[in-house]
Protein backbone atom coordinates (compact mmCIF):
# COMPACT_ATOMS: atom_id res chain seq x y z
CA MET A 1 -2.35 -14.63 31.04
CA LEU A 2 -5.73 -14.12 28.33
CA ILE A 3 -5.78 -10.96 26.38
CA LEU A 4 -8.80 -9.72 24.60
CA SER A 5 -7.96 -7.18 22.20
CA MET A 6 -10.56 -4.91 20.03
CA LYS A 7 -9.64 -2.49 17.03
CA GLU A 8 -12.18 0.62 16.50
CA GLY A 9 -12.51 2.04 13.80
CA HIS A 10 -13.00 0.55 9.98
CA ASP A 11 -11.72 -3.04 9.82
CA GLY A 12 -13.08 -3.69 13.22
CA GLY A 13 -11.84 -6.88 14.91
CA ILE A 14 -11.43 -9.04 18.21
CA VAL A 15 -8.61 -11.11 19.34
CA ALA A 16 -7.86 -13.74 21.98
CA ILE A 17 -4.52 -14.82 23.14
CA GLU A 18 -3.95 -17.22 25.92
CA ASP A 19 -0.50 -17.75 27.26
CA GLY A 20 0.95 -17.16 23.76
CA LYS A 21 -1.25 -18.91 21.73
CA LEU A 22 -4.03 -17.21 19.15
CA LEU A 23 -7.26 -18.28 20.33
CA PHE A 24 -9.65 -16.57 17.40
CA ALA A 25 -9.27 -13.48 15.14
CA LEU A 26 -12.60 -12.42 14.52
CA GLU A 27 -13.75 -9.64 11.84
CA SER A 28 -16.50 -7.32 11.61
CA GLU A 29 -16.82 -7.86 7.96
CA LYS A 30 -17.01 -11.43 7.64
CA ASP A 31 -20.31 -13.29 7.84
CA ASN A 32 -21.32 -11.62 5.17
CA TYR A 33 -21.15 -7.84 6.44
CA PRO A 34 -20.05 -4.65 4.65
CA ARG A 35 -16.06 -4.78 4.17
CA TYR A 36 -14.18 -2.66 6.25
CA ASP A 37 -16.81 -2.45 8.99
CA ARG A 38 -16.35 -1.22 12.56
CA ILE A 39 -16.87 -3.69 15.58
CA THR A 40 -20.60 -4.57 15.96
CA GLY A 41 -22.75 -5.59 19.02
CA GLU A 42 -23.17 -9.09 16.84
CA LEU A 43 -19.53 -9.10 16.84
CA MET A 44 -18.82 -8.47 20.36
CA ALA A 45 -21.49 -11.19 21.60
CA ARG A 46 -19.72 -14.04 19.17
CA ALA A 47 -16.50 -13.04 20.62
CA ALA A 48 -17.94 -13.48 24.16
CA GLY A 49 -19.25 -16.76 23.37
CA MET A 50 -15.97 -17.95 22.18
CA LEU A 51 -14.64 -17.65 25.91
CA ASP A 52 -14.92 -19.60 28.75
CA LYS A 53 -13.36 -16.84 31.61
CA GLN A 54 -12.84 -13.45 31.87
CA PRO A 55 -9.58 -11.61 30.15
CA ASP A 56 -6.95 -10.83 32.37
CA VAL A 57 -6.21 -7.77 30.10
CA VAL A 58 -8.44 -6.01 27.83
CA ALA A 59 -6.34 -4.34 25.23
CA LEU A 60 -7.53 -1.51 23.15
CA GLY A 61 -5.69 -0.34 20.07
CA GLY A 62 -5.00 3.54 20.11
CA TRP A 63 -7.59 5.38 17.51
CA VAL A 64 -9.29 8.38 16.93
CA LYS A 65 -12.74 9.98 17.80
CA GLY A 66 -13.60 10.41 14.11
CA GLU A 67 -12.98 9.28 10.92
CA PHE A 68 -9.93 10.71 9.94
CA SER A 69 -6.44 10.26 11.50
CA VAL A 70 -5.86 14.08 12.13
CA GLU A 71 -9.09 13.92 14.98
CA PRO A 72 -8.45 13.91 18.48
CA PRO A 73 -7.12 10.48 19.78
CA SER A 74 -9.18 7.71 21.88
CA ARG A 75 -7.16 6.22 24.06
CA THR A 76 -2.91 6.26 23.01
CA GLY A 77 -4.44 7.47 19.58
CA TYR A 78 -3.15 6.53 15.79
CA PHE A 79 0.48 7.85 15.71
CA GLY A 80 3.78 6.93 17.96
CA VAL A 81 6.17 4.30 18.90
CA GLY A 82 7.93 5.68 21.94
CA GLU A 83 7.12 7.65 24.89
CA GLY A 84 3.33 7.93 25.34
CA ALA A 85 2.43 5.57 22.71
CA ILE A 86 1.68 2.79 25.51
CA SER A 87 -1.05 3.14 28.37
CA ASP A 88 -1.65 0.29 31.39
CA GLU A 89 -4.21 0.82 33.91
CA ALA A 90 -6.59 -0.85 36.48
CA GLY A 91 -10.27 -1.17 35.76
CA LYS A 92 -12.99 -3.58 35.69
CA PHE A 93 -14.58 -5.34 32.67
CA PHE A 94 -17.90 -7.41 34.03
CA GLY A 95 -17.30 -6.72 37.58
CA LYS A 96 -13.85 -8.15 37.65
CA ASP A 97 -10.60 -6.50 38.17
CA VAL A 98 -8.41 -6.27 34.76
CA ARG A 99 -5.65 -4.32 32.91
CA TYR A 100 -6.74 -1.99 30.52
CA PHE A 101 -3.83 -1.90 28.24
CA SER A 102 -3.72 0.67 24.92
CA SER A 103 -1.23 1.31 22.20
CA THR A 104 -1.12 3.10 19.16
CA HIS A 105 -2.38 2.14 15.82
CA GLU A 106 1.20 2.50 14.74
CA ARG A 107 2.54 -0.01 17.20
CA SER A 108 0.05 -2.09 16.40
CA HIS A 109 1.09 -2.91 12.62
CA ILE A 110 4.90 -3.22 14.25
CA TYR A 111 3.63 -5.92 16.40
CA THR A 112 1.33 -7.65 14.27
CA SER A 113 4.79 -8.42 12.03
CA LEU A 114 6.98 -8.80 14.93
CA GLY A 115 4.66 -11.60 16.72
CA MET A 116 3.76 -13.46 13.93
CA ALA A 117 7.15 -13.78 12.18
CA PRO A 118 8.85 -17.23 12.58
CA ALA A 119 10.46 -17.57 16.18
CA ALA A 120 13.99 -16.09 16.09
CA PRO A 121 14.75 -15.46 19.94
CA GLY A 122 17.35 -12.53 19.98
CA GLN A 123 16.78 -11.82 16.66
CA ALA A 124 16.94 -7.65 15.67
CA TYR A 125 14.22 -6.85 12.67
CA TYR A 126 13.91 -3.57 10.51
CA SER A 127 10.20 -2.96 10.30
CA LEU A 128 8.40 -1.28 7.73
CA VAL A 129 5.01 0.13 8.24
CA TRP A 130 3.13 1.52 5.25
CA GLU A 131 -0.50 2.17 4.65
CA GLY A 132 -2.70 4.95 4.15
CA ASN A 133 -1.45 7.43 6.66
CA ILE A 134 2.01 6.11 7.73
CA GLY A 135 5.14 5.27 5.82
CA ASP A 136 8.06 4.65 8.21
CA PHE A 137 11.13 2.53 8.95
CA TYR A 138 12.00 1.33 12.40
CA ARG A 139 14.43 -0.96 14.46
CA ILE A 140 13.35 -3.60 16.39
CA ASP A 141 15.60 -4.71 18.88
CA GLU A 142 16.81 -7.92 20.61
CA ARG A 143 14.16 -7.48 23.32
CA GLY A 144 11.38 -6.65 21.16
CA GLU A 145 11.95 -2.89 21.69
CA ALA A 146 10.45 -0.85 18.23
CA THR A 147 12.40 2.62 17.92
CA HIS A 148 11.92 4.88 14.98
CA LEU A 149 14.03 5.46 12.50
CA LYS A 150 12.71 7.56 9.68
CA HIS A 151 9.56 9.06 8.30
CA VAL A 152 9.72 8.22 4.44
CA LEU A 153 6.69 9.42 2.83
CA ALA A 154 3.12 10.73 4.40
CA ASP A 155 0.14 8.74 3.10
CA PRO A 156 1.80 6.30 0.83
CA GLY A 157 -1.19 3.86 0.50
CA ALA A 158 -3.90 7.15 0.06
CA LYS A 159 -1.08 8.27 -2.50
CA TYR A 160 -0.89 4.96 -4.52
CA ALA A 161 -4.78 4.90 -4.77
CA TYR A 162 -5.19 8.52 -5.71
CA LEU A 163 -4.00 8.24 -9.21
CA PHE A 164 -7.10 6.01 -9.52
CA ALA A 165 -9.36 8.21 -8.12
CA LEU A 166 -7.71 10.77 -10.31
CA ALA A 167 -8.58 8.90 -13.66
CA ASP A 168 -11.94 7.71 -12.48
CA PRO A 169 -14.92 10.13 -13.61
CA GLY A 170 -16.87 8.57 -11.36
CA PHE A 171 -14.69 9.52 -8.36
CA PRO A 172 -16.61 12.54 -6.20
CA LEU A 173 -15.29 15.70 -6.47
CA GLY A 174 -14.36 17.18 -2.99
CA LYS A 175 -11.99 17.01 0.26
CA GLY A 176 -12.27 14.01 2.67
CA LYS A 177 -13.02 11.36 -0.06
CA PHE A 178 -11.64 8.27 0.21
CA ARG A 179 -12.75 4.40 -1.29
CA PHE A 180 -10.85 1.69 0.60
CA ASN A 181 -10.77 -0.85 -2.80
CA ASP A 182 -9.32 1.28 -5.15
CA ALA A 183 -5.68 0.33 -4.59
CA GLY A 184 -6.50 -3.28 -5.54
CA LYS A 185 -7.89 -2.01 -8.21
CA GLN A 186 -4.86 0.22 -9.58
CA MET A 187 -2.71 -2.83 -8.45
CA ALA A 188 -4.53 -4.75 -11.19
CA LEU A 189 -4.52 -2.32 -13.70
CA THR A 190 -0.52 -1.87 -13.51
CA GLY A 191 -0.36 -5.24 -14.91
CA PHE A 192 -2.03 -3.41 -18.50
CA ALA A 193 1.20 -0.78 -18.70
CA GLU A 194 3.37 -0.42 -21.63
CA PRO A 195 7.04 -0.23 -20.85
CA GLY A 196 8.44 3.40 -21.97
CA PRO A 197 10.32 6.18 -20.14
CA LEU A 198 8.66 8.54 -17.89
CA THR A 199 7.07 11.28 -19.69
CA PRO A 200 7.16 14.91 -18.58
CA ASP A 201 3.78 15.17 -17.96
CA GLU A 202 3.36 11.73 -15.86
CA GLN A 203 6.47 13.04 -13.97
CA LYS A 204 4.53 16.08 -13.01
CA THR A 205 1.65 14.23 -11.96
CA ILE A 206 3.46 11.70 -10.35
CA ASP A 207 5.32 14.55 -8.14
CA PHE A 208 2.54 16.51 -6.99
CA ILE A 209 0.80 13.78 -5.58
CA LEU A 210 3.82 12.44 -3.90
CA ASP A 211 5.24 15.82 -2.48
CA ARG A 212 1.79 16.96 -1.42
CA ASP A 213 0.70 16.81 2.60
CA GLY A 214 -2.87 16.06 3.60
CA ILE A 215 -3.83 14.17 0.45
CA ILE A 216 -7.32 13.00 1.80
CA LEU A 217 -8.26 15.86 3.50
CA GLY A 218 -6.57 18.86 1.98
CA LEU A 219 -6.97 17.96 -1.79
CA SER A 220 -9.85 17.89 -3.76
CA LYS A 221 -9.72 16.08 -7.21
CA GLU A 222 -10.44 19.03 -9.24
CA GLU A 223 -7.55 20.88 -7.74
CA MET A 224 -5.54 18.88 -10.22
CA SER A 225 -7.51 19.48 -13.46
CA TRP A 226 -4.41 20.57 -14.87
CA SER A 227 -3.09 16.74 -15.30
CA HIS A 228 -3.70 15.00 -18.37
CA LEU A 229 -4.84 11.95 -16.38
CA TYR A 230 -7.89 14.23 -14.73
CA ASN A 231 -10.83 12.12 -15.95
CA ALA A 232 -9.13 10.24 -18.27
CA GLY A 233 -10.83 6.66 -17.40
CA VAL A 234 -8.98 3.66 -15.91
CA TRP A 235 -9.77 2.10 -18.95
CA SER A 236 -7.20 4.42 -20.82
CA GLN A 237 -3.56 3.48 -21.60
CA GLU A 238 -2.12 6.43 -20.59
CA TYR A 239 -3.46 6.29 -17.00
CA ARG A 240 -2.40 2.50 -16.70
CA ASN A 241 1.19 3.59 -17.98
CA ALA A 242 1.47 5.77 -15.46
CA ALA A 243 -0.04 3.76 -12.33
CA ALA A 244 2.70 1.57 -13.09
CA LYS A 245 5.36 4.28 -12.84
CA HIS A 246 3.55 5.87 -9.74
CA SER A 247 3.89 2.44 -8.13
CA GLN A 248 7.46 2.27 -8.43
CA ALA A 249 8.26 5.88 -7.79
CA ILE A 250 6.43 5.24 -4.19
CA PHE A 251 8.70 2.34 -3.90
CA ASN A 252 11.89 3.87 -4.75
CA ARG A 253 11.09 6.49 -1.93
CA PHE A 254 11.66 3.77 0.39
CA HIS A 255 14.25 1.60 -1.22
CA ASP A 256 16.44 4.61 -1.80
CA TYR A 257 16.28 5.26 2.30
CA ALA A 258 16.70 1.66 2.89
CA GLU A 259 19.62 0.87 0.58
CA LYS A 260 21.60 3.95 2.25
CA ASN A 261 21.02 3.46 5.57
CA LEU A 262 19.45 -0.05 6.49
CA THR A 263 22.86 -1.52 5.82
CA GLU A 264 23.21 -4.53 9.00
CA GLY A 265 21.25 -7.28 6.67
CA LEU A 266 18.93 -7.75 9.15
CA PRO A 267 15.36 -9.54 8.14
CA LEU A 268 12.85 -6.90 6.95
CA LEU A 269 9.20 -7.20 8.86
CA ILE A 270 6.33 -5.37 6.62
CA SER A 271 3.12 -4.24 7.89
CA GLY A 272 0.30 -2.15 7.01
CA GLY A 273 -1.93 -2.13 3.64
CA CYS A 274 0.78 -1.59 1.57
CA GLY A 275 1.69 -4.98 2.22
CA LEU A 276 -0.93 -6.49 0.28
CA ASN A 277 0.91 -5.17 -2.75
CA CYS A 278 2.48 -7.92 -4.29
CA ASP A 279 4.52 -6.46 -6.40
CA TRP A 280 6.23 -4.15 -3.82
CA ASN A 281 6.87 -7.35 -1.65
CA ARG A 282 8.50 -9.04 -4.69
CA LEU A 283 10.53 -6.20 -5.16
CA TRP A 284 11.42 -5.91 -1.54
CA ARG A 285 12.63 -10.00 -1.41
CA GLU A 286 14.55 -9.37 -4.63
CA SER A 287 16.28 -6.03 -3.22
CA GLY A 288 18.71 -8.47 -1.52
CA LEU A 289 19.13 -5.54 1.28
CA PHE A 290 17.53 -7.84 4.15
CA SER A 291 18.39 -11.42 5.49
CA SER A 292 14.75 -12.36 4.65
CA VAL A 293 11.36 -10.73 4.30
CA PHE A 294 8.23 -11.27 6.32
CA VAL A 295 4.95 -10.12 5.41
CA PRO A 296 1.54 -11.24 7.53
CA PRO A 297 -1.53 -12.28 6.52
CA CYS A 298 -3.18 -9.77 7.53
CA PRO A 299 -0.92 -6.73 7.24
CA ASN A 300 -3.56 -4.13 6.91
CA ASP A 301 -6.16 -2.99 9.44
CA SER A 302 -7.34 -6.12 9.53
CA GLY A 303 -4.72 -7.44 11.74
CA SER A 304 -4.32 -4.48 13.89
CA ALA A 305 -6.24 -6.31 17.04
CA LEU A 306 -3.66 -8.90 16.65
CA GLY A 307 -0.64 -6.11 16.92
CA THR A 308 -2.28 -4.40 20.01
CA ALA A 309 -2.97 -7.93 21.80
CA ILE A 310 0.75 -9.03 20.71
CA ASP A 311 2.00 -5.63 21.73
CA ALA A 312 0.37 -6.36 24.97
CA GLN A 313 1.64 -9.61 25.51
CA TRP A 314 5.17 -8.18 25.13
CA PHE A 315 4.18 -4.91 27.66
CA TYR A 316 3.51 -7.74 30.71
CA THR A 317 5.78 -10.76 29.35
CA GLY A 318 8.83 -9.69 27.85
CA GLN A 319 7.92 -11.98 24.87
CA ALA A 320 6.11 -10.91 21.43
CA THR A 321 6.18 -14.17 19.45
CA ILE A 322 2.74 -16.20 19.63
CA ASP A 323 1.63 -19.68 18.12
CA TRP A 324 -0.67 -18.59 15.46
CA ASP A 325 -3.10 -20.38 12.78
CA VAL A 326 -4.33 -18.45 10.00
CA TYR A 327 -7.62 -19.96 10.01
CA ALA A 328 -8.53 -18.37 13.38
CA GLY A 329 -11.83 -17.08 12.48
CA GLU A 330 -15.14 -18.80 13.13
CA GLY A 331 -16.29 -22.04 11.82
CA PHE A 332 -18.74 -22.17 9.20
CA VAL A 333 -22.62 -22.09 10.53
CA GLU A 334 -24.89 -24.81 8.85
CA ASP A 335 -27.89 -23.13 9.96
CA VAL A 336 -29.71 -24.71 7.17
CA ILE A 337 -30.13 -27.71 5.27
CA PRO A 338 -29.60 -27.67 1.80
CA ASP A 339 -33.18 -28.42 0.13
CA PRO A 340 -33.52 -31.88 -0.59
CA ALA A 341 -35.89 -31.83 -3.47
CA LYS A 342 -33.31 -29.23 -5.34
CA TYR A 343 -29.88 -30.93 -4.23
CA GLU A 344 -28.13 -33.94 -3.61
CA THR A 345 -25.80 -34.14 -0.37
CA ARG A 346 -23.36 -36.86 0.13
CA PRO A 347 -20.15 -37.21 1.82
CA LEU A 348 -17.28 -34.93 0.94
CA VAL A 349 -14.83 -36.88 -1.70
CA ALA A 350 -12.02 -35.20 -3.02
CA SER A 351 -12.02 -37.15 -6.34
CA GLU A 352 -15.66 -36.24 -6.93
CA VAL A 353 -15.27 -32.91 -6.62
CA ALA A 354 -12.02 -32.84 -8.51
CA LYS A 355 -13.57 -34.56 -11.35
CA TYR A 356 -16.44 -32.04 -10.75
CA ILE A 357 -14.45 -28.90 -11.33
CA LYS A 358 -12.73 -30.46 -14.12
CA ASP A 359 -15.83 -31.03 -16.15
CA GLY A 360 -16.16 -26.74 -16.12
CA ASN A 361 -18.22 -26.54 -12.71
CA ILE A 362 -17.31 -23.64 -10.19
CA ILE A 363 -17.93 -24.85 -6.59
CA GLY A 364 -18.28 -22.79 -3.19
CA TRP A 365 -15.93 -24.21 -1.14
CA ALA A 366 -16.44 -23.50 2.96
CA ARG A 367 -14.62 -25.49 5.40
CA GLY A 368 -13.36 -25.18 8.89
CA ARG A 369 -12.75 -21.58 10.47
CA TYR A 370 -12.45 -18.61 8.22
CA GLU A 371 -9.00 -17.22 7.47
CA MET A 372 -7.30 -14.14 8.91
CA GLY A 373 -7.16 -10.98 6.75
CA PRO A 374 -9.01 -10.33 3.54
CA ARG A 375 -7.89 -13.01 0.89
CA ALA A 376 -9.21 -16.36 0.59
CA LEU A 377 -6.41 -19.27 1.87
CA GLY A 378 -8.61 -22.16 1.00
CA ASN A 379 -11.38 -22.27 3.75
CA ARG A 380 -13.51 -19.54 2.10
CA SER A 381 -13.00 -20.20 -1.77
CA ILE A 382 -14.38 -20.07 -5.02
CA LEU A 383 -13.02 -22.62 -7.19
CA ALA A 384 -12.84 -23.43 -10.84
CA ALA A 385 -10.42 -25.19 -13.14
CA PRO A 386 -7.53 -23.15 -14.39
CA PHE A 387 -7.45 -23.52 -18.19
CA THR A 388 -9.76 -21.14 -19.78
CA VAL A 389 -10.01 -17.34 -20.37
CA ASP A 390 -13.93 -17.75 -20.53
CA THR A 391 -13.72 -19.29 -16.49
CA THR A 392 -11.72 -15.88 -15.71
CA VAL A 393 -14.54 -14.26 -17.27
CA ARG A 394 -17.33 -16.37 -15.84
CA LEU A 395 -15.76 -15.95 -12.50
CA ASN A 396 -15.59 -12.40 -12.57
CA LYS A 397 -19.38 -12.13 -13.29
CA ILE A 398 -20.38 -14.28 -10.53
CA LYS A 399 -18.25 -12.15 -8.32
CA ARG A 400 -19.49 -8.78 -9.97
CA ARG A 401 -16.38 -7.47 -10.63
CA GLU A 402 -14.56 -5.58 -13.42
CA GLU A 403 -13.21 -7.76 -16.08
CA TYR A 404 -9.46 -6.49 -15.77
CA ARG A 405 -9.19 -8.40 -12.12
CA PRO A 406 -6.94 -11.34 -12.50
CA ILE A 407 -8.15 -14.65 -10.89
CA ALA A 408 -5.68 -16.22 -8.07
CA PRO A 409 -4.09 -19.41 -8.56
CA ILE A 410 -4.24 -22.10 -5.59
CA ALA A 411 -1.37 -24.35 -5.68
CA LEU A 412 0.38 -27.51 -4.17
CA GLU A 413 3.68 -25.99 -2.87
CA SER A 414 5.69 -29.08 -3.49
CA ASP A 415 4.40 -28.85 -7.27
CA ALA A 416 4.37 -24.89 -7.78
CA PRO A 417 8.06 -24.65 -8.99
CA LYS A 418 6.68 -26.80 -12.30
CA TRP A 419 3.82 -23.63 -13.04
CA PHE A 420 5.14 -20.58 -11.69
CA VAL A 421 8.73 -18.53 -11.09
CA GLY A 422 9.57 -16.01 -8.20
CA SER A 423 8.28 -16.83 -4.63
CA VAL A 424 6.54 -19.65 -5.30
CA GLN A 425 6.50 -20.93 -1.62
CA ASP A 426 3.53 -18.12 -0.59
CA PRO A 427 1.02 -19.49 1.84
CA TYR A 428 -1.03 -16.38 1.88
CA MET A 429 -0.89 -15.30 -1.44
CA LEU A 430 1.59 -12.06 -0.82
CA TYR A 431 3.63 -12.30 -3.91
CA PHE A 432 3.31 -12.24 -7.95
CA ASN A 433 5.11 -14.82 -9.58
CA HIS A 434 5.41 -15.32 -13.55
CA VAL A 435 3.33 -18.34 -14.51
CA THR A 436 5.34 -20.83 -17.06
CA SER A 437 2.28 -22.79 -18.79
CA ASP A 438 0.66 -21.73 -21.32
CA GLU A 439 -2.10 -24.21 -20.07
CA LEU A 440 -3.35 -21.73 -16.96
CA LYS A 441 -4.72 -19.18 -19.10
CA ALA A 442 -7.59 -18.79 -16.32
CA ILE A 443 -5.13 -17.88 -13.46
CA THR A 444 -2.56 -15.71 -15.83
CA HIS A 445 -2.48 -11.92 -15.79
CA VAL A 446 -2.09 -9.73 -18.93
CA ASP A 447 1.92 -9.40 -17.97
CA GLY A 448 2.10 -13.20 -17.27
CA THR A 449 1.83 -12.92 -13.73
CA ALA A 450 -0.33 -14.85 -11.16
CA ARG A 451 -0.56 -14.07 -7.30
CA THR A 452 -0.02 -17.55 -5.99
CA GLN A 453 -0.98 -18.99 -3.23
CA THR A 454 1.09 -22.51 -2.17
CA VAL A 455 -0.35 -24.93 0.44
CA THR A 456 0.35 -27.98 2.31
CA ARG A 457 -1.09 -30.69 3.78
CA GLU A 458 0.09 -29.49 7.33
CA ARG A 459 -1.53 -25.87 6.34
CA ASN A 460 -4.66 -27.29 4.62
CA ALA A 461 -5.12 -30.82 4.53
CA GLY A 462 -8.51 -30.58 2.58
CA ILE A 463 -7.13 -28.30 -0.06
CA THR A 464 -4.27 -30.64 -0.36
CA ASP A 465 -6.52 -33.76 -0.64
CA LEU A 466 -8.55 -31.66 -3.94
CA LEU A 467 -5.10 -30.34 -5.43
CA GLU A 468 -3.76 -34.15 -5.50
CA ALA A 469 -7.08 -35.28 -6.90
CA PHE A 470 -7.25 -32.70 -9.26
CA ARG A 471 -3.82 -33.70 -10.65
CA GLU A 472 -4.22 -37.08 -10.72
CA GLN A 473 -7.16 -36.53 -13.26
CA THR A 474 -5.32 -33.53 -15.21
CA GLY A 475 -1.90 -33.18 -14.58
CA PHE A 476 -2.09 -29.95 -12.67
CA SER A 477 -2.05 -29.48 -8.87
CA VAL A 478 -3.56 -25.49 -9.72
CA LEU A 479 -6.97 -24.07 -9.34
CA CYS A 480 -8.61 -20.73 -9.51
CA ASN A 481 -9.41 -19.48 -5.94
CA THR A 482 -11.06 -16.43 -5.36
CA SER A 483 -12.94 -15.06 -2.02
CA LEU A 484 -16.20 -16.36 -1.35
CA ASN A 485 -18.32 -13.07 -0.86
CA ASN A 486 -20.32 -10.77 -2.39
CA ASN A 487 -19.44 -7.86 -3.98
CA GLY A 488 -18.58 -5.17 -0.95
CA ARG A 489 -18.87 -8.07 1.84
CA GLY A 490 -16.84 -10.43 3.72
CA PHE A 491 -16.56 -13.68 3.93
CA LEU A 492 -19.95 -15.93 3.86
CA ASN A 493 -19.98 -17.81 6.68
CA ARG A 494 -23.53 -19.75 6.89
CA THR A 495 -25.13 -21.96 4.79
CA SER A 496 -28.17 -19.97 4.15
CA ASP A 497 -26.09 -17.34 3.06
CA LEU A 498 -23.77 -19.75 0.79
CA ILE A 499 -27.05 -21.35 -1.13
CA GLU A 500 -28.41 -17.88 -1.68
CA TYR A 501 -25.81 -16.46 -3.55
CA GLY A 502 -24.80 -19.76 -5.43
CA GLU A 503 -28.62 -19.61 -6.49
CA THR A 504 -28.30 -15.98 -7.58
CA TYR A 505 -25.09 -15.68 -9.41
CA GLY A 506 -24.30 -19.15 -10.36
CA LEU A 507 -22.29 -21.11 -8.91
CA ASP A 508 -22.62 -24.96 -9.46
CA GLY A 509 -21.95 -26.64 -6.47
CA TYR A 510 -21.02 -26.65 -3.00
CA VAL A 511 -18.82 -28.08 -0.67
CA ILE A 512 -19.92 -27.52 3.27
CA ASN A 513 -17.34 -28.68 5.50
CA ASP A 514 -17.49 -32.58 5.09
CA THR A 515 -20.25 -32.37 2.73
CA PHE A 516 -20.60 -32.03 -1.34
CA VAL A 517 -23.74 -30.76 -2.50
CA THR A 518 -25.09 -30.29 -6.13
CA PRO A 519 -28.31 -29.24 -8.14
CA ARG A 520 -30.17 -32.50 -8.78
CA SER A 521 -30.84 -32.57 -12.44
CA SER A 522 -34.20 -31.65 -13.83
């Protein structure tokens, strides 16, 4: 059975699964398109070009006929798990008989994490979906049937990010305003918080936001002008202190319910955009409430097309688990040859690249198929040596982002316990670890943590070769790893864009599939 699945709305994507194996997962923003882009004709054409036959099932994720989740539903719509949350009907696709499947956006998150979790036939799970709108727990039985347990908090992701908007004088007034990237910035800024008890002013502001329904559509920022954080600035210490307490307050709402009611000790599956919050993931793993915790590499809406495909597979076959690889995107497109008058091009040798990086150079690394989800996991990365604060400053300048943003490390999994304490086996960069070496200044956030990705030869042989060569030359099997993208756009995916980016913003060289490219000496 070949299933072709599409996700409407922001973070659009197209996925194909055949007989339980993921063939590809394409995202509209990748290839230098705007972040959070909707499905485009270009993406549809490229997806069609990767198939050699028509699908048996076309799966369309439930969505809405507008920008916000409260608008009229498209197909099965946004919310719902039980009756009415799935539809199945006959239809035509390029003139061929197919089944048209749809299930709600809520189900897409549940089944992303279930289908991607390590295979465990007959295992029951708890599921947590927390994202911009949904904040709910579920129980998945041994057959894969999801049952809703508890609506804990409306709009947890939106409420988390709203504190940043409240403090930022540049956030626009009026209802219905939202910026997708505020949550990630706030996660970085909580690292600057000073310890201390919750103040009355903080309590009042946090309670107001968490207890308010319809935070995006129903609240205009000026209605909170009474708050001590109103336009206080995201650089202010009072905002940063409150941001950490706000984060903890949201987590506590969910933890308190789980501690009292989720008492079977089942594994926990986490999905939704809040699954990208590394601090919350760490807290769940350390809570002791669950036998294990699994977060997929694409827990936000970038994984929704895949979740709908998995839900369709489960509906038609009774099996949710899929065979997948995180590098399921398109291959890097070598559409031009680097100008031989400006660049020297030679075969990739890991030791040469390692020495080049050790000598202080920063490179763009683009090999094979791009990774699912929003984080660079070693195939669309900017790489640098991890030793100096100057490297952090330069990387943030190249990326054109705020200086408070931390730089993540990529490390050999076998060596990671030498450099980090915490969830040191983390192939998808989803947990915070504490850095144990004072020499790794470029990847150590102000609070002493790092969002580590660990690699093995089985998962990424090319990066493993590079890290082993770097270890041989420096003693450290760690590099800086940040995503290879223009600010506000998805991963670069063709040589022409990569060279233009490097020349404009200051990369020192490139690895393009199996070649190493460096500027010629003047």
